Amino acid sequence: MKILSIILCISLFNFGYAQKPEKLFNGKDLKGWKIHGTEKWYVQKGELICESGPDKQYGYLATEKEFKDFELTLMFKQESNGNSGVFFHSQIDGIIVNGWQAEVAPLNNHSGGIYESYGRGWLIQPTADKEKVLKEGEWNKMKIRVKGNEVTTWLNDVEMITLDDEKIGERSGKIALQIHDGGGVKVRWKNISIRKL
């Protein structure tokens, strides 16, 4: 009985440890991340900043690690255009990304919706009444939960969408922040953490 109790305690400890959130951005530098493309990614006063470079093309900052089932939380603040996104289960070759994006965009452009890049396009968009949840020019909190085939996103603690998609559940991949092409884009990020499920 004593041995069973010890095993149970160890199992519970290990389970709890596995659930502990991991900081993906240390607030100092880009350690653990890789830049794809020529757009600008840098750290300033504890914030991660992306902005358009001279080529005005798509750009990505991707984790070195891959993730499958997780809960990701972060804060973003849009400046100028502010068109961006958070990719998951993604693979990147140059500036071609294959994966799914939780949209981060200006007001009434479906922030929190899910877009499949170089694939089926929009899979789901928030309902019209939820578009106003985005705070323009202010810090916004986004949470993305991926478990098996199911994806749920929240913006400022409001559930934006829930999607069930077998293709998403079939694979893992990198987390990647996007900067949109066209130029004039600038977005600030902070408090990026992930909890494996």
Protein backbone atom coordinates (compact mmCIF):
# COMPACT_ATOMS: atom_id res chain seq x y z
CA MET A 1 0.00 0.00 0.00
CA LYS A 2 2.86 2.35 0.86
CA ILE A 3 4.54 1.68 -2.49
CA LEU A 4 1.29 2.40 -4.36
CA SER A 5 0.93 5.70 -2.49
CA ILE A 6 4.49 6.71 -3.42
CA ILE A 7 3.90 5.81 -7.08
CA LEU A 8 0.67 7.81 -7.08
CA CYS A 9 2.41 10.86 -5.57
CA ILE A 10 5.21 10.66 -8.14
CA SER A 11 2.68 10.33 -10.97
CA LEU A 12 0.71 13.34 -9.75
CA PHE A 13 3.90 15.36 -9.39
CA ASN A 14 5.02 14.48 -12.93
CA PHE A 15 1.56 15.24 -14.32
CA GLY A 16 1.55 18.64 -12.63
CA TYR A 17 5.04 19.39 -13.86
CA ALA A 18 4.06 18.55 -17.45
CA GLN A 19 1.21 21.05 -17.20
CA LYS A 20 3.41 23.92 -16.09
CA PRO A 21 3.42 26.82 -18.62
CA GLU A 22 6.69 27.42 -20.46
CA LYS A 23 7.77 30.92 -21.47
CA LEU A 24 8.43 31.03 -25.21
CA PHE A 25 9.74 34.61 -25.12
CA ASN A 26 12.23 35.57 -22.41
CA GLY A 27 11.81 39.34 -22.82
CA LYS A 28 15.51 39.81 -23.61
CA ASP A 29 16.33 38.28 -26.99
CA LEU A 30 15.11 35.83 -29.66
CA LYS A 31 16.53 32.71 -28.05
CA GLY A 32 14.45 29.67 -29.03
CA TRP A 33 13.13 31.37 -32.17
CA LYS A 34 14.22 31.55 -35.83
CA ILE A 35 13.56 34.41 -38.27
CA HIS A 36 12.20 33.51 -41.72
CA GLY A 37 12.31 36.24 -44.35
CA THR A 38 13.76 39.74 -44.36
CA GLU A 39 11.20 41.58 -42.22
CA LYS A 40 12.32 43.02 -38.87
CA TRP A 41 12.04 41.16 -35.53
CA TYR A 42 13.68 42.64 -32.44
CA VAL A 43 13.30 43.10 -28.69
CA GLN A 44 12.76 46.49 -27.04
CA LYS A 45 11.99 47.11 -23.36
CA GLY A 46 10.82 43.55 -22.79
CA GLU A 47 8.58 43.51 -25.86
CA LEU A 48 8.97 41.54 -29.06
CA ILE A 49 8.41 43.80 -32.07
CA CYS A 50 7.84 42.96 -35.71
CA GLU A 51 7.71 45.53 -38.47
CA SER A 52 7.92 45.65 -42.23
CA GLY A 53 11.37 45.66 -43.79
CA PRO A 54 12.49 47.03 -47.16
CA ASP A 55 11.16 44.01 -49.08
CA LYS A 56 7.63 44.43 -47.65
CA GLN A 57 7.07 40.68 -47.84
CA TYR A 58 5.63 38.08 -45.48
CA GLY A 59 7.88 37.28 -42.54
CA TYR A 60 7.76 34.76 -39.72
CA LEU A 61 9.36 34.24 -36.34
CA ALA A 62 9.06 30.54 -35.53
CA THR A 63 9.87 28.45 -32.49
CA GLU A 64 12.70 25.98 -32.80
CA LYS A 65 10.54 23.40 -31.01
CA GLU A 66 7.41 21.72 -32.36
CA PHE A 67 4.15 21.38 -30.44
CA LYS A 68 1.01 19.30 -30.90
CA ASP A 69 -1.54 19.66 -28.08
CA PHE A 70 -1.17 22.91 -26.15
CA GLU A 71 -2.65 26.09 -24.74
CA LEU A 72 -0.83 29.21 -25.91
CA THR A 73 -1.35 32.65 -24.37
CA LEU A 74 0.13 35.97 -25.46
CA MET A 75 -0.46 39.70 -25.59
CA PHE A 76 -0.34 41.78 -28.76
CA LYS A 77 -0.65 45.47 -29.57
CA GLN A 78 -1.18 46.59 -33.14
CA GLU A 79 0.45 49.71 -34.53
CA SER A 80 -0.02 51.06 -38.06
CA ASN A 81 -1.61 48.30 -40.20
CA GLY A 82 -1.30 45.61 -37.52
CA ASN A 83 -2.02 42.67 -39.84
CA SER A 84 -0.38 39.59 -38.39
CA GLY A 85 -1.21 36.16 -37.03
CA VAL A 86 -0.20 33.25 -34.83
CA PHE A 87 0.54 30.03 -36.72
CA PHE A 88 0.47 26.56 -35.18
CA HIS A 89 1.29 23.05 -36.44
CA SER A 90 3.29 24.90 -39.08
CA GLN A 91 6.26 24.06 -41.29
CA ILE A 92 8.16 26.91 -42.96
CA ASP A 93 10.32 26.95 -46.09
CA GLY A 94 11.68 30.45 -46.75
CA ILE A 95 8.55 32.59 -46.45
CA ILE A 96 6.17 29.81 -47.49
CA VAL A 97 4.33 28.49 -44.45
CA ASN A 98 2.18 25.40 -44.37
CA GLY A 99 -0.11 25.38 -41.36
CA TRP A 100 -2.96 27.10 -39.57
CA GLN A 101 -3.21 30.71 -38.44
CA ALA A 102 -5.17 32.31 -35.65
CA GLU A 103 -5.76 35.69 -37.24
CA VAL A 104 -4.48 38.93 -35.72
CA ALA A 105 -5.78 41.78 -37.83
CA PRO A 106 -7.28 45.28 -37.72
CA LEU A 107 -10.85 45.74 -36.51
CA ASN A 108 -13.53 43.80 -38.43
CA ASN A 109 -10.95 41.58 -40.12
CA HIS A 110 -11.69 38.38 -38.20
CA SER A 111 -9.10 38.32 -35.38
CA GLY A 112 -9.35 34.95 -33.67
CA GLY A 113 -10.56 33.18 -36.81
CA ILE A 114 -8.64 30.24 -38.30
CA TYR A 115 -7.04 30.42 -41.74
CA GLU A 116 -5.23 27.56 -43.48
CA SER A 117 -2.27 28.99 -45.35
CA TYR A 118 -1.61 27.69 -48.89
CA GLY A 119 -4.57 25.34 -48.44
CA ARG A 120 -8.28 25.76 -47.87
CA GLY A 121 -8.17 29.41 -46.80
CA TRP A 122 -10.65 30.54 -44.16
CA LEU A 123 -11.97 27.61 -42.12
CA ILE A 124 -13.93 29.66 -39.60
CA GLN A 125 -14.41 33.33 -38.74
CA PRO A 126 -15.84 34.92 -35.59
CA THR A 127 -19.47 36.01 -35.77
CA ALA A 128 -20.02 39.68 -36.56
CA ASP A 129 -20.92 40.58 -32.97
CA LYS A 130 -17.51 39.34 -31.76
CA GLU A 131 -15.46 41.51 -34.11
CA LYS A 132 -15.73 44.44 -31.67
CA VAL A 133 -13.85 42.48 -28.96
CA LEU A 134 -10.53 43.67 -30.46
CA LYS A 135 -9.11 46.77 -28.74
CA GLU A 136 -7.52 48.90 -31.42
CA GLY A 137 -4.23 50.48 -30.41
CA GLU A 138 -4.27 48.72 -27.02
CA TRP A 139 -2.91 45.48 -25.59
CA ASN A 140 -5.05 42.46 -26.39
CA LYS A 141 -4.87 39.00 -24.83
CA MET A 142 -5.14 35.96 -27.10
CA LYS A 143 -5.43 32.34 -26.06
CA ILE A 144 -5.27 29.42 -28.49
CA ARG A 145 -6.09 25.88 -27.36
CA VAL A 146 -5.30 22.95 -29.65
CA LYS A 147 -6.25 19.46 -28.49
CA GLY A 148 -6.52 16.67 -31.03
CA ASN A 149 -8.78 17.87 -33.84
CA GLU A 150 -10.25 20.75 -31.85
CA VAL A 151 -9.09 24.37 -31.83
CA THR A 152 -10.59 27.12 -29.68
CA THR A 153 -9.48 30.74 -29.60
CA TRP A 154 -10.21 33.51 -27.12
CA LEU A 155 -9.63 37.24 -27.48
CA ASN A 156 -9.69 39.31 -24.30
CA ASP A 157 -11.32 36.35 -22.50
CA VAL A 158 -14.14 36.08 -25.06
CA GLU A 159 -14.39 32.78 -26.93
CA MET A 160 -14.10 33.63 -30.62
CA ILE A 161 -14.35 30.27 -32.40
CA THR A 162 -14.28 26.51 -31.90
CA LEU A 163 -13.29 24.34 -34.82
CA ASP A 164 -13.11 20.56 -35.26
CA ASP A 165 -10.79 19.62 -38.11
CA GLU A 166 -9.12 16.24 -38.71
CA LYS A 167 -6.25 17.70 -40.73
CA ILE A 168 -5.18 19.82 -37.75
CA GLY A 169 -5.22 16.79 -35.46
CA GLU A 170 -3.03 14.73 -37.78
CA ARG A 171 0.22 16.56 -37.11
CA SER A 172 2.37 18.76 -34.92
CA GLY A 173 4.51 21.75 -35.90
CA LYS A 174 6.08 25.03 -34.92
CA ILE A 175 4.43 28.09 -33.39
CA ALA A 176 5.11 31.10 -35.64
CA LEU A 177 4.26 34.78 -35.46
CA GLN A 178 3.54 36.37 -38.82
CA ILE A 179 4.02 39.80 -40.29
CA HIS A 180 1.84 40.43 -43.35
CA ASP A 181 3.20 41.59 -46.69
CA GLY A 182 2.48 45.00 -48.22
CA GLY A 183 4.52 47.15 -45.84
CA GLY A 184 3.55 49.53 -43.07
CA VAL A 185 2.92 46.74 -40.56
CA LYS A 186 4.04 46.93 -36.93
CA VAL A 187 2.93 44.72 -34.03
CA ARG A 188 4.18 44.39 -30.45
CA TRP A 189 4.07 41.08 -28.55
CA LYS A 190 4.71 40.07 -24.93
CA ASN A 191 3.93 37.45 -22.26
CA ILE A 192 4.13 34.55 -24.71
CA SER A 193 3.79 31.21 -22.92
CA ILE A 194 2.65 27.70 -23.75
CA ARG A 195 1.27 24.85 -21.69
CA LYS A 196 1.44 21.36 -23.16
CA LEU A 197 -1.76 19.34 -22.84
